[in-house]
Amino acid sequence: MQKITTFLWFDGQAEEAMNHYMSIFNNSKELSVTRWPKGHADEGKVLVASFELDGVPFLALNGGPQYKFTEAISLSIDCKTQEEVDHFWTRLTEGGGEPGPCGWLKDKFGVSWQVVPEQLPRLLGDADRAKAGRAMNAMMQMGKIDIAKLEEAAKG
């Protein structure tokens, strides 16, 4: 059993967010949904939803408008190919999401994500600091990371 689970606070969109995320990530499933009981003002609506994205557990709460997501915390997606980067970037920005710099974005619910190709940390950590610097400079000019352009810049 995993000891740490990401818990996301929504203002009425917990079920929509869960379904949206499960449509994006393979190996995803709903685990349980607790709905507000009969007689409550939000009767029948989701209170808490438990689900997995690619085997990783999440909880979503419809907690109300008191708290909003910020970029101070983000979810990072490790990608092997440009096709994966493109898939996650497109799906997570659809419907009102916002592209950001350096592989970061906000989805339509305000959750921040980093879409990171496996080549990025390798290039940024290269022992050849000039090569790493060129990769960093290229990344700083990008929204969605373009692996080919990143590798080309690193080569010089």
C-alpha atoms as a PDB file:
ATOM      1  CA  MET A   1       0.000   0.000   0.000  1.00  0.00           C
ATOM      2  CA  GLN A   2       1.315   3.419  -0.960  1.00  0.00           C
ATOM      3  CA  LYS A   3       1.693   5.727   2.054  1.00  0.00           C
ATOM      4  CA  ILE A   4       1.363   9.052   0.249  1.00  0.00           C
ATOM      5  CA  THR A   5      -1.585   9.991  -1.947  1.00  0.00           C
ATOM      6  CA  THR A   6      -2.099  13.289  -3.757  1.00  0.00           C
ATOM      7  CA  PHE A   7      -5.264  14.976  -2.483  1.00  0.00           C
ATOM      8  CA  LEU A   8      -6.823  17.606  -4.764  1.00  0.00           C
ATOM      9  CA  TRP A   9      -9.382  20.175  -3.551  1.00  0.00           C
ATOM     10  CA  PHE A  10     -11.977  21.221  -6.127  1.00  0.00           C
ATOM     11  CA  ASP A  11     -14.929  23.577  -6.090  1.00  0.00           C
ATOM     12  CA  GLY A  12     -17.618  21.268  -7.463  1.00  0.00           C
ATOM     13  CA  GLN A  13     -15.578  19.690 -10.289  1.00  0.00           C
ATOM     14  CA  ALA A  14     -14.056  16.649  -8.531  1.00  0.00           C
ATOM     15  CA  GLU A  15     -16.001  14.087 -10.586  1.00  0.00           C
ATOM     16  CA  GLU A  16     -15.447  15.949 -13.858  1.00  0.00           C
ATOM     17  CA  ALA A  17     -11.724  16.253 -13.101  1.00  0.00           C
ATOM     18  CA  MET A  18     -11.422  12.568 -12.181  1.00  0.00           C
ATOM     19  CA  ASN A  19     -13.156  11.495 -15.397  1.00  0.00           C
ATOM     20  CA  HIS A  20     -11.089  13.917 -17.488  1.00  0.00           C
ATOM     21  CA  TYR A  21      -7.795  12.713 -16.012  1.00  0.00           C
ATOM     22  CA  MET A  22      -8.772   9.056 -16.367  1.00  0.00           C
ATOM     23  CA  SER A  23      -9.479   9.664 -20.061  1.00  0.00           C
ATOM     24  CA  ILE A  24      -5.927  10.985 -20.522  1.00  0.00           C
ATOM     25  CA  PHE A  25      -3.799   8.459 -18.622  1.00  0.00           C
ATOM     26  CA  ASN A  26      -3.560   4.751 -19.441  1.00  0.00           C
ATOM     27  CA  ASN A  27      -4.030   2.203 -16.671  1.00  0.00           C
ATOM     28  CA  SER A  28      -6.462   4.483 -14.840  1.00  0.00           C
ATOM     29  CA  LYS A  29      -9.573   3.633 -12.906  1.00  0.00           C
ATOM     30  CA  GLU A  30     -12.130   4.901 -10.459  1.00  0.00           C
ATOM     31  CA  LEU A  31     -11.678   3.293  -7.045  1.00  0.00           C
ATOM     32  CA  SER A  32     -14.560   4.751  -5.049  1.00  0.00           C
ATOM     33  CA  VAL A  33     -16.946   7.685  -4.934  1.00  0.00           C
ATOM     34  CA  THR A  34     -18.616   9.052  -1.798  1.00  0.00           C
ATOM     35  CA  ARG A  35     -21.627  11.232  -2.514  1.00  0.00           C
ATOM     36  CA  TRP A  36     -23.375  13.736  -0.278  1.00  0.00           C
ATOM     37  CA  PRO A  37     -26.215  12.009   1.609  1.00  0.00           C
ATOM     38  CA  LYS A  38     -29.937  12.520   1.228  1.00  0.00           C
ATOM     39  CA  GLY A  39     -31.109  15.769   2.734  1.00  0.00           C
ATOM     40  CA  HIS A  40     -27.828  17.630   2.208  1.00  0.00           C
ATOM     41  CA  ALA A  41     -27.875  20.705  -0.049  1.00  0.00           C
ATOM     42  CA  ASP A  42     -25.486  18.897  -2.427  1.00  0.00           C
ATOM     43  CA  GLU A  43     -27.348  15.574  -2.240  1.00  0.00           C
ATOM     44  CA  GLY A  44     -26.051  13.070  -4.801  1.00  0.00           C
ATOM     45  CA  LYS A  45     -23.042  15.165  -5.804  1.00  0.00           C
ATOM     46  CA  VAL A  46     -19.539  13.839  -5.242  1.00  0.00           C
ATOM     47  CA  LEU A  47     -17.964  14.635  -1.904  1.00  0.00           C
ATOM     48  CA  VAL A  48     -14.774  12.563  -2.334  1.00  0.00           C
ATOM     49  CA  ALA A  49     -13.575  10.488  -5.271  1.00  0.00           C
ATOM     50  CA  SER A  50     -10.702   8.021  -5.184  1.00  0.00           C
ATOM     51  CA  PHE A  51      -9.005   7.047  -8.454  1.00  0.00           C
ATOM     52  CA  GLU A  52      -5.757   5.953 -10.046  1.00  0.00           C
ATOM     53  CA  LEU A  53      -3.879   7.531 -12.936  1.00  0.00           C
ATOM     54  CA  ASP A  54      -1.396   5.130 -14.479  1.00  0.00           C
ATOM     55  CA  GLY A  55      -1.533   3.164 -11.232  1.00  0.00           C
ATOM     56  CA  VAL A  56      -0.880   6.198  -8.977  1.00  0.00           C
ATOM     57  CA  PRO A  57      -3.607   6.931  -6.385  1.00  0.00           C
ATOM     58  CA  PHE A  58      -5.366  10.291  -6.102  1.00  0.00           C
ATOM     59  CA  LEU A  59      -8.198  11.671  -4.012  1.00  0.00           C
ATOM     60  CA  ALA A  60     -10.450  14.507  -5.187  1.00  0.00           C
ATOM     61  CA  LEU A  61     -12.620  16.487  -2.781  1.00  0.00           C
ATOM     62  CA  ASN A  62     -15.380  18.934  -3.601  1.00  0.00           C
ATOM     63  CA  GLY A  63     -14.380  21.230  -0.770  1.00  0.00           C
ATOM     64  CA  GLY A  64     -15.747  24.529  -2.022  1.00  0.00           C
ATOM     65  CA  PRO A  65     -14.344  27.835  -3.222  1.00  0.00           C
ATOM     66  CA  GLN A  66     -12.112  28.622  -0.222  1.00  0.00           C
ATOM     67  CA  TYR A  67      -8.892  27.283  -1.750  1.00  0.00           C
ATOM     68  CA  LYS A  68      -7.472  27.513  -5.247  1.00  0.00           C
ATOM     69  CA  PHE A  69      -4.661  25.648  -6.953  1.00  0.00           C
ATOM     70  CA  THR A  70      -1.404  27.538  -7.501  1.00  0.00           C
ATOM     71  CA  GLU A  71       1.839  26.817  -9.309  1.00  0.00           C
ATOM     72  CA  ALA A  72       3.456  26.293  -5.914  1.00  0.00           C
ATOM     73  CA  ILE A  73       2.715  22.595  -6.410  1.00  0.00           C
ATOM     74  CA  SER A  74       2.548  20.661  -9.659  1.00  0.00           C
ATOM     75  CA  LEU A  75       2.248  17.136 -10.963  1.00  0.00           C
ATOM     76  CA  SER A  76       5.122  15.989 -13.151  1.00  0.00           C
ATOM     77  CA  ILE A  77       4.650  13.534 -16.025  1.00  0.00           C
ATOM     78  CA  ASP A  78       7.700  11.625 -17.261  1.00  0.00           C
ATOM     79  CA  CYS A  79       7.519  11.075 -21.026  1.00  0.00           C
ATOM     80  CA  LYS A  80       9.666   8.839 -23.228  1.00  0.00           C
ATOM     81  CA  THR A  81       8.754  10.294 -26.647  1.00  0.00           C
ATOM     82  CA  GLN A  82       7.638  13.495 -28.321  1.00  0.00           C
ATOM     83  CA  GLU A  83       4.355  11.745 -29.062  1.00  0.00           C
ATOM     84  CA  GLU A  84       3.768  11.336 -25.305  1.00  0.00           C
ATOM     85  CA  VAL A  85       4.724  14.956 -24.650  1.00  0.00           C
ATOM     86  CA  ASP A  86       2.297  16.088 -27.365  1.00  0.00           C
ATOM     87  CA  HIS A  87      -0.503  13.838 -26.046  1.00  0.00           C
ATOM     88  CA  PHE A  88      -0.322  15.039 -22.455  1.00  0.00           C
ATOM     89  CA  TRP A  89       0.227  18.675 -23.409  1.00  0.00           C
ATOM     90  CA  THR A  90      -2.739  18.700 -25.793  1.00  0.00           C
ATOM     91  CA  ARG A  91      -5.123  16.808 -23.522  1.00  0.00           C
ATOM     92  CA  LEU A  92      -4.253  18.737 -20.353  1.00  0.00           C
ATOM     93  CA  THR A  93      -4.549  22.171 -21.990  1.00  0.00           C
ATOM     94  CA  GLU A  94      -7.801  21.390 -23.824  1.00  0.00           C
ATOM     95  CA  GLY A  95     -11.022  23.004 -22.709  1.00  0.00           C
ATOM     96  CA  GLY A  96      -9.501  26.082 -21.122  1.00  0.00           C
ATOM     97  CA  GLY A  97      -6.094  24.980 -19.867  1.00  0.00           C
ATOM     98  CA  GLU A  98      -3.182  27.399 -20.124  1.00  0.00           C
ATOM     99  CA  PRO A  99       0.204  26.603 -21.657  1.00  0.00           C
ATOM    100  CA  GLY A 100       3.109  27.832 -19.589  1.00  0.00           C
ATOM    101  CA  PRO A 101       6.873  28.099 -19.967  1.00  0.00           C
ATOM    102  CA  CYS A 102       9.471  25.323 -19.832  1.00  0.00           C
ATOM    103  CA  GLY A 103       7.070  22.373 -20.062  1.00  0.00           C
ATOM    104  CA  TRP A 104       4.623  23.677 -17.438  1.00  0.00           C
ATOM    105  CA  LEU A 105       0.894  24.119 -17.959  1.00  0.00           C
ATOM    106  CA  LYS A 106      -2.319  24.589 -16.027  1.00  0.00           C
ATOM    107  CA  ASP A 107      -5.297  22.412 -16.857  1.00  0.00           C
ATOM    108  CA  LYS A 108      -8.883  23.685 -17.045  1.00  0.00           C
ATOM    109  CA  PHE A 109      -9.293  23.034 -13.299  1.00  0.00           C
ATOM    110  CA  GLY A 110      -6.240  25.118 -12.394  1.00  0.00           C
ATOM    111  CA  VAL A 111      -3.978  22.169 -11.547  1.00  0.00           C
ATOM    112  CA  SER A 112      -0.361  22.733 -12.616  1.00  0.00           C
ATOM    113  CA  TRP A 113       1.475  20.009 -14.527  1.00  0.00           C
ATOM    114  CA  GLN A 114       4.995  19.565 -15.856  1.00  0.00           C
ATOM    115  CA  VAL A 115       5.266  17.521 -19.052  1.00  0.00           C
ATOM    116  CA  VAL A 116       8.869  16.331 -18.991  1.00  0.00           C
ATOM    117  CA  PRO A 117      10.580  14.246 -21.671  1.00  0.00           C
ATOM    118  CA  GLU A 118      13.197  11.905 -20.194  1.00  0.00           C
ATOM    119  CA  GLN A 119      15.832  13.644 -22.323  1.00  0.00           C
ATOM    120  CA  LEU A 120      15.424  16.945 -20.458  1.00  0.00           C
ATOM    121  CA  PRO A 121      16.993  16.065 -17.077  1.00  0.00           C
ATOM    122  CA  ARG A 122      19.711  14.084 -18.860  1.00  0.00           C
ATOM    123  CA  LEU A 123      20.655  17.081 -21.027  1.00  0.00           C
ATOM    124  CA  LEU A 124      20.397  19.618 -18.201  1.00  0.00           C
ATOM    125  CA  GLY A 125      22.611  17.430 -16.019  1.00  0.00           C
ATOM    126  CA  ASP A 126      25.226  16.707 -18.691  1.00  0.00           C
ATOM    127  CA  ALA A 127      28.823  16.785 -17.425  1.00  0.00           C
ATOM    128  CA  ASP A 128      29.649  19.087 -20.342  1.00  0.00           C
ATOM    129  CA  ARG A 129      28.333  22.288 -18.733  1.00  0.00           C
ATOM    130  CA  ALA A 130      28.358  24.191 -22.054  1.00  0.00           C
ATOM    131  CA  LYS A 131      26.108  21.512 -23.565  1.00  0.00           C
ATOM    132  CA  ALA A 132      23.856  21.623 -20.487  1.00  0.00           C
ATOM    133  CA  GLY A 133      23.735  25.427 -20.722  1.00  0.00           C
ATOM    134  CA  ARG A 134      22.668  25.318 -24.373  1.00  0.00           C
ATOM    135  CA  ALA A 135      19.915  22.850 -23.456  1.00  0.00           C
ATOM    136  CA  MET A 136      18.802  25.116 -20.592  1.00  0.00           C
ATOM    137  CA  ASN A 137      18.715  28.171 -22.860  1.00  0.00           C
ATOM    138  CA  ALA A 138      16.656  26.271 -25.430  1.00  0.00           C
ATOM    139  CA  MET A 139      14.220  25.020 -22.776  1.00  0.00           C
ATOM    140  CA  MET A 140      13.762  28.544 -21.428  1.00  0.00           C
ATOM    141  CA  GLN A 141      12.435  29.591 -24.856  1.00  0.00           C
ATOM    142  CA  MET A 142       9.861  26.779 -25.028  1.00  0.00           C
ATOM    143  CA  GLY A 143       6.366  26.223 -23.765  1.00  0.00           C
ATOM    144  CA  LYS A 144       5.797  22.596 -24.674  1.00  0.00           C
ATOM    145  CA  ILE A 145       9.185  20.884 -24.796  1.00  0.00           C
ATOM    146  CA  ASP A 146      10.355  19.948 -28.287  1.00  0.00           C
ATOM    147  CA  ILE A 147      12.826  17.089 -27.840  1.00  0.00           C
ATOM    148  CA  ALA A 148      14.460  17.447 -31.271  1.00  0.00           C
ATOM    149  CA  LYS A 149      15.075  21.176 -30.802  1.00  0.00           C
ATOM    150  CA  LEU A 150      16.360  20.589 -27.285  1.00  0.00           C
ATOM    151  CA  GLU A 151      18.859  17.950 -28.454  1.00  0.00           C
ATOM    152  CA  GLU A 152      19.881  20.090 -31.443  1.00  0.00           C
ATOM    153  CA  ALA A 153      20.573  23.076 -29.161  1.00  0.00           C
ATOM    154  CA  ALA A 154      22.567  20.913 -26.750  1.00  0.00           C
ATOM    155  CA  LYS A 155      24.817  19.746 -29.611  1.00  0.00           C
ATOM    156  CA  GLY A 156      25.557  23.326 -30.548  1.00  0.00           C
END
